C-alpha atoms as a PDB file:
ATOM      1  CA  GLN A   1     138.511  31.665  12.532  1.00  0.00           C
ATOM      2  CA  VAL A   2     140.577  32.925  15.449  1.00  0.00           C
ATOM      3  CA  GLN A   3     139.461  33.284  19.052  1.00  0.00           C
ATOM      4  CA  LEU A   4     141.044  35.282  21.863  1.00  0.00           C
ATOM      5  CA  VAL A   5     140.043  34.203  25.354  1.00  0.00           C
ATOM      6  CA  GLU A   6     140.963  36.342  28.363  1.00  0.00           C
ATOM      7  CA  SER A   7     141.140  35.236  31.968  1.00  0.00           C
ATOM      8  CA  GLY A   8     142.366  36.522  35.303  1.00  0.00           C
ATOM      9  CA  GLY A   9     140.118  39.499  35.990  1.00  0.00           C
ATOM     10  CA  GLY A  10     138.339  40.067  39.255  1.00  0.00           C
ATOM     11  CA  LEU A  11     137.985  42.241  42.327  1.00  0.00           C
ATOM     12  CA  VAL A  12     141.110  43.462  44.085  1.00  0.00           C
ATOM     13  CA  GLN A  13     141.853  46.040  46.761  1.00  0.00           C
ATOM     14  CA  PRO A  14     143.843  49.176  45.968  1.00  0.00           C
ATOM     15  CA  GLY A  15     147.543  48.387  45.946  1.00  0.00           C
ATOM     16  CA  GLY A  16     146.881  44.789  45.003  1.00  0.00           C
ATOM     17  CA  SER A  17     147.895  42.761  41.961  1.00  0.00           C
ATOM     18  CA  LEU A  18     146.247  40.758  39.205  1.00  0.00           C
ATOM     19  CA  ARG A  19     147.585  38.835  36.251  1.00  0.00           C
ATOM     20  CA  LEU A  20     145.577  38.719  33.037  1.00  0.00           C
ATOM     21  CA  SER A  21     146.076  36.071  30.381  1.00  0.00           C
ATOM     22  CA  CYS A  22     144.872  35.917  26.789  1.00  0.00           C
ATOM     23  CA  ALA A  23     145.191  32.781  24.709  1.00  0.00           C
ATOM     24  CA  ALA A  24     144.713  32.807  20.955  1.00  0.00           C
ATOM     25  CA  SER A  25     143.415  29.706  19.212  1.00  0.00           C
ATOM     26  CA  GLY A  26     142.066  28.630  15.860  1.00  0.00           C
ATOM     27  CA  SER A  27     143.509  29.060  12.410  1.00  0.00           C
ATOM     28  CA  ILE A  28     146.815  30.744  13.253  1.00  0.00           C
ATOM     29  CA  PHE A  29     149.871  30.912  11.047  1.00  0.00           C
ATOM     30  CA  SER A  30     151.637  33.502  13.205  1.00  0.00           C
ATOM     31  CA  ILE A  31     150.837  36.440  15.469  1.00  0.00           C
ATOM     32  CA  ASN A  32     152.359  39.899  15.215  1.00  0.00           C
ATOM     33  CA  THR A  33     151.556  42.505  17.829  1.00  0.00           C
ATOM     34  CA  MET A  34     149.479  41.485  20.853  1.00  0.00           C
ATOM     35  CA  GLY A  35     148.117  43.997  23.278  1.00  0.00           C
ATOM     36  CA  TRP A  36     145.776  44.952  26.072  1.00  0.00           C
ATOM     37  CA  TYR A  37     143.215  47.725  25.958  1.00  0.00           C
ATOM     38  CA  ARG A  38     140.725  48.843  28.566  1.00  0.00           C
ATOM     39  CA  GLN A  39     137.413  50.631  28.644  1.00  0.00           C
ATOM     40  CA  ALA A  40     135.869  52.200  31.719  1.00  0.00           C
ATOM     41  CA  PRO A  41     132.182  53.197  31.878  1.00  0.00           C
ATOM     42  CA  GLY A  42     131.559  56.376  29.913  1.00  0.00           C
ATOM     43  CA  ARG A  43     135.063  56.414  28.478  1.00  0.00           C
ATOM     44  CA  GLU A  44     136.627  55.392  25.189  1.00  0.00           C
ATOM     45  CA  ARG A  45     138.653  52.233  24.828  1.00  0.00           C
ATOM     46  CA  GLU A  46     142.351  52.999  25.358  1.00  0.00           C
ATOM     47  CA  LEU A  47     145.630  51.201  24.847  1.00  0.00           C
ATOM     48  CA  VAL A  48     147.240  49.858  28.014  1.00  0.00           C
ATOM     49  CA  ALA A  49     150.256  48.057  26.559  1.00  0.00           C
ATOM     50  CA  ASP A  50     151.324  46.054  23.564  1.00  0.00           C
ATOM     51  CA  ILE A  51     154.188  43.771  22.614  1.00  0.00           C
ATOM     52  CA  SER A  52     155.642  42.782  19.268  1.00  0.00           C
ATOM     53  CA  ARG A  53     156.471  39.232  18.277  1.00  0.00           C
ATOM     54  CA  LEU A  54     160.111  39.996  19.058  1.00  0.00           C
ATOM     55  CA  GLY A  55     159.226  41.276  22.524  1.00  0.00           C
ATOM     56  CA  ILE A  56     159.372  45.031  21.998  1.00  0.00           C
ATOM     57  CA  THR A  57     156.969  46.606  24.464  1.00  0.00           C
ATOM     58  CA  ASN A  58     154.974  49.806  24.534  1.00  0.00           C
ATOM     59  CA  TYR A  59     153.095  51.170  27.568  1.00  0.00           C
ATOM     60  CA  ALA A  60     150.598  53.914  28.217  1.00  0.00           C
ATOM     61  CA  ASP A  61     152.014  56.523  30.559  1.00  0.00           C
ATOM     62  CA  PHE A  62     149.406  55.779  33.199  1.00  0.00           C
ATOM     63  CA  VAL A  63     150.693  52.202  33.724  1.00  0.00           C
ATOM     64  CA  LYS A  64     154.434  52.640  33.337  1.00  0.00           C
ATOM     65  CA  GLY A  65     156.257  51.123  36.277  1.00  0.00           C
ATOM     66  CA  ARG A  66     153.159  49.295  37.497  1.00  0.00           C
ATOM     67  CA  PHE A  67     152.112  46.923  34.666  1.00  0.00           C
ATOM     68  CA  THR A  68     154.236  44.474  32.701  1.00  0.00           C
ATOM     69  CA  ILE A  69     153.231  42.870  29.416  1.00  0.00           C
ATOM     70  CA  SER A  70     154.798  39.621  28.227  1.00  0.00           C
ATOM     71  CA  ARG A  71     154.041  36.830  25.776  1.00  0.00           C
ATOM     72  CA  ASP A  72     154.733  33.185  25.100  1.00  0.00           C
ATOM     73  CA  ASN A  73     154.878  32.712  21.341  1.00  0.00           C
ATOM     74  CA  ALA A  74     154.834  28.917  21.641  1.00  0.00           C
ATOM     75  CA  LYS A  75     151.492  29.141  23.459  1.00  0.00           C
ATOM     76  CA  ASN A  76     150.077  32.081  21.464  1.00  0.00           C
ATOM     77  CA  THR A  77     149.449  33.771  24.799  1.00  0.00           C
ATOM     78  CA  VAL A  78     149.928  37.291  26.099  1.00  0.00           C
ATOM     79  CA  TYR A  79     149.982  38.278  29.763  1.00  0.00           C
ATOM     80  CA  LEU A  80     149.507  41.486  31.706  1.00  0.00           C
ATOM     81  CA  GLN A  81     150.913  41.620  35.226  1.00  0.00           C
ATOM     82  CA  MET A  82     149.223  44.479  37.046  1.00  0.00           C
ATOM     83  CA  ASN A  83     150.734  45.707  40.312  1.00  0.00           C
ATOM     84  CA  SER A  84     149.953  48.673  42.561  1.00  0.00           C
ATOM     85  CA  LEU A  85     146.424  48.766  41.242  1.00  0.00           C
ATOM     86  CA  LYS A  86     144.359  51.913  41.702  1.00  0.00           C
ATOM     87  CA  PRO A  87     140.594  52.484  41.608  1.00  0.00           C
ATOM     88  CA  ASP A  88     141.135  54.351  38.301  1.00  0.00           C
ATOM     89  CA  ASP A  89     142.327  51.054  36.799  1.00  0.00           C
ATOM     90  CA  THR A  90     138.788  49.699  37.087  1.00  0.00           C
ATOM     91  CA  ALA A  91     137.634  48.786  33.584  1.00  0.00           C
ATOM     92  CA  VAL A  92     136.917  45.967  31.195  1.00  0.00           C
ATOM     93  CA  TYR A  93     140.248  44.800  29.817  1.00  0.00           C
ATOM     94  CA  TYR A  94     140.353  43.529  26.240  1.00  0.00           C
ATOM     95  CA  CYS A  95     142.983  41.484  24.478  1.00  0.00           C
ATOM     96  CA  ASN A  96     143.879  42.380  20.900  1.00  0.00           C
ATOM     97  CA  ALA A  97     146.051  40.646  18.332  1.00  0.00           C
ATOM     98  CA  ASP A  98     147.195  40.977  14.734  1.00  0.00           C
ATOM     99  CA  VAL A  99     147.023  37.430  13.417  1.00  0.00           C
ATOM    100  CA  TYR A 100     148.190  35.906  10.185  1.00  0.00           C
ATOM    101  CA  TYR A 101     145.609  33.198   9.576  1.00  0.00           C
ATOM    102  CA  ARG A 102     147.387  32.457   6.297  1.00  0.00           C
ATOM    103  CA  PRO A 103     150.935  33.435   5.322  1.00  0.00           C
ATOM    104  CA  ASP A 104     149.574  36.335   3.271  1.00  0.00           C
ATOM    105  CA  ARG A 105     146.393  37.182   5.209  1.00  0.00           C
ATOM    106  CA  LEU A 106     146.426  39.394   8.299  1.00  0.00           C
ATOM    107  CA  ASN A 107     143.433  40.260  10.442  1.00  0.00           C
ATOM    108  CA  ASN A 108     142.874  41.996  13.752  1.00  0.00           C
ATOM    109  CA  TYR A 109     140.969  40.247  16.541  1.00  0.00           C
ATOM    110  CA  TRP A 110     139.510  41.187  19.916  1.00  0.00           C
ATOM    111  CA  GLY A 111     138.748  39.118  22.975  1.00  0.00           C
ATOM    112  CA  GLN A 112     135.450  39.292  24.802  1.00  0.00           C
ATOM    113  CA  GLY A 113     136.885  41.287  27.705  1.00  0.00           C
ATOM    114  CA  THR A 114     137.473  40.617  31.380  1.00  0.00           C
ATOM    115  CA  GLN A 115     136.334  42.868  34.202  1.00  0.00           C
ATOM    116  CA  VAL A 116     138.906  44.318  36.593  1.00  0.00           C
ATOM    117  CA  THR A 117     137.531  46.117  39.637  1.00  0.00           C
ATOM    118  CA  VAL A 118     139.794  47.878  42.118  1.00  0.00           C
ATOM    119  CA  SER A 119     137.908  48.755  45.271  1.00  0.00           C
ATOM    120  CA  SER A 120     138.154  48.489  49.025  1.00  0.00           C
END
């Protein structure tokens, strides 16, 4: 079993910054792509950014230039640095990872989510 645990959400004023972390633990052989998604009330879950094991990144257009995704493979952890936050960024942010729990067995996992609220 693999668990993803997010941290770092909270309330921030417009223009402020937050840093999200997501640590994977459990039966892990290796981790491929790790990413962050978000879901606002009444909206579908959407990709924010993801990063391959080799560090290749992919961003949604609405966060380019404001958010930065990174990872520490030794710690099985992915980060999301969020700058210049806007009220539209308010959502529950979810961590996602493609995990090999055996050398020949790949599964996709989700974290429980962390709330980010941008408001004055």
